[in-house]
Structures are given as structure tokens and as C-alpha cells.
Protein backbone atom coordinates (compact mmCIF):
# COMPACT_ATOMS: atom_id res chain seq x y z
CA MET A 1 83.19 86.80 86.10
CA THR A 2 84.94 85.34 88.59
CA PHE A 3 85.15 86.23 92.28
CA TYR A 4 88.58 84.94 94.60
CA HIS A 5 88.08 85.77 98.17
CA LEU A 6 91.40 85.18 99.82
CA ASP A 7 91.78 82.73 102.99
CA ASN A 8 94.80 82.58 105.00
CA ALA A 9 96.23 79.73 102.44
CA THR A 10 97.06 82.11 99.72
CA ALA A 11 97.24 85.92 101.78
CA ASP A 12 100.49 85.97 102.32
CA ASN A 13 101.48 84.56 98.38
CA TRP A 14 102.38 87.58 97.03
CA GLN A 15 103.01 85.55 93.66
CA TRP A 16 98.99 84.66 93.05
CA LEU A 17 98.44 87.72 94.70
CA PHE A 18 99.93 89.90 91.54
CA HIS A 19 98.66 87.88 88.98
CA MET A 20 94.82 88.34 90.52
CA VAL A 21 95.93 91.42 90.15
CA ASP A 22 97.14 91.50 86.25
CA SER A 23 94.26 89.19 85.00
CA SER A 24 91.14 91.13 87.56
CA ASP A 25 88.74 93.00 85.06
CA LEU A 26 87.25 94.36 88.28
CA ILE A 27 88.87 94.47 91.71
CA MET A 28 86.78 95.31 94.70
CA VAL A 29 89.30 96.64 97.90
CA ASN A 30 88.01 96.68 101.51
CA VAL A 31 90.15 99.34 102.92
CA GLY A 32 89.91 98.46 106.29
CA LYS A 33 90.95 94.83 106.37
CA SER A 34 93.13 94.80 103.89
CA THR A 35 97.42 94.23 104.24
CA SER A 36 100.04 96.79 103.13
CA LEU A 37 100.45 94.01 99.91
CA GLU A 38 97.16 93.61 98.75
CA MET A 39 96.22 98.27 99.03
CA ASN A 40 99.52 98.06 97.38
CA LEU A 41 98.42 95.78 94.47
CA ALA A 42 95.51 97.84 94.08
CA PHE A 43 97.01 100.96 93.95
CA LEU A 44 99.49 99.61 91.03
CA ALA A 45 96.42 98.99 89.23
CA ASN A 46 94.74 102.08 89.84
CA GLN A 47 93.83 102.73 86.01
CA GLY A 48 90.43 103.80 84.75
CA ASN A 49 87.05 101.79 86.27
CA ARG A 50 89.01 98.98 87.02
CA VAL A 51 89.78 99.28 90.53
CA TRP A 52 87.25 100.11 93.74
CA PHE A 53 87.56 101.07 97.54
CA TYR A 54 85.57 100.21 99.52
CA VAL A 55 85.99 102.59 102.28
CA ASP A 56 83.67 101.81 106.02
CA LYS A 57 84.07 105.42 107.51
CA ASP A 58 84.10 103.69 111.42
CA ASN A 59 87.55 101.57 110.25
CA VAL A 60 89.70 103.74 107.98
CA ASP A 61 91.17 106.78 109.13
CA ASN A 62 91.51 109.89 107.63
CA GLU A 63 94.95 109.61 105.95
CA THR A 64 93.52 106.84 104.38
CA ARG A 65 90.69 108.36 102.95
CA MET A 66 92.83 111.71 101.73
CA LEU A 67 95.35 109.42 99.59
CA LEU A 68 92.44 107.75 97.96
CA ASN A 69 90.82 111.76 97.55
CA THR A 70 94.71 111.99 96.44
CA ILE A 71 95.02 109.60 93.85
CA ASN A 72 91.23 110.30 92.28
CA ALA A 73 90.34 106.87 93.51
CA ASN A 74 86.76 104.97 93.06
CA VAL A 75 85.19 104.38 96.82
CA PHE A 76 82.35 103.72 97.33
CA ASN A 77 80.36 102.89 100.99
CA SER A 78 77.83 101.80 100.69
CA TYR A 79 74.80 99.50 99.04
CA ASP A 80 73.71 102.38 96.77
CA GLN A 81 76.92 103.30 95.21
CA LEU A 82 78.23 99.62 94.73
CA HIS A 83 75.02 99.16 92.77
CA ALA A 84 75.63 102.43 90.85
CA MET A 85 79.45 101.36 90.56
CA LEU A 86 78.63 98.41 89.12
CA ARG A 87 76.33 99.86 86.84
CA SER A 88 78.90 102.31 85.58
CA PHE A 89 81.45 99.39 85.32
CA VAL A 90 79.17 96.59 83.20
CA GLY A 91 76.43 99.11 81.35
CA ASN A 92 73.00 100.15 81.75
CA ASP A 93 71.41 97.58 79.20
């Protein structure tokens, strides 16, 4: 499993972002801190259990939460939900 964290040098490089989204098995998106480009790429990749959105209720507006609900996105907002998501993604063994 490889983890990527964008820094200022790569945040505006859409080609790199697209490649990472296309080749990743698991994508976690912090909705409150993501750019429009990052959100759009995550929406495009939203298939099955591959993309999970972290929603901090204090930093994410109602419209964005409704959109995530409308597209039936995988959303978590606590450690317990993250743990359950990882068990679902990796398996119970």
C-alpha cells in the first residue's frame, strides 16, 4: 500500500493527480481541504469502494454533504467509521 500526500509543488499538477487517481486502489479525500480539481477527479473515480470522503461536519457545507449523499458516496467522519471502512476495503481477515 502506498500513501501520497500532496505538497505545494504537486498540488496544481493535474497530470500527476490524474495518474494517481487512475492507478490507486484506495482514495481518501478530505472534503474540507480539497481543491475543486481534487474533488472533480474523486467524483470521476467514484466506483465501488475505491473512493472514500472524509467529511468534517464543522468544515463542510450542507450543499456538499447533500451532493455526496446524492451520488451515494462512501463517507466517513470519525475514527470508528474509518476503521469500519478499512475493514470493508481490506477484508475481515
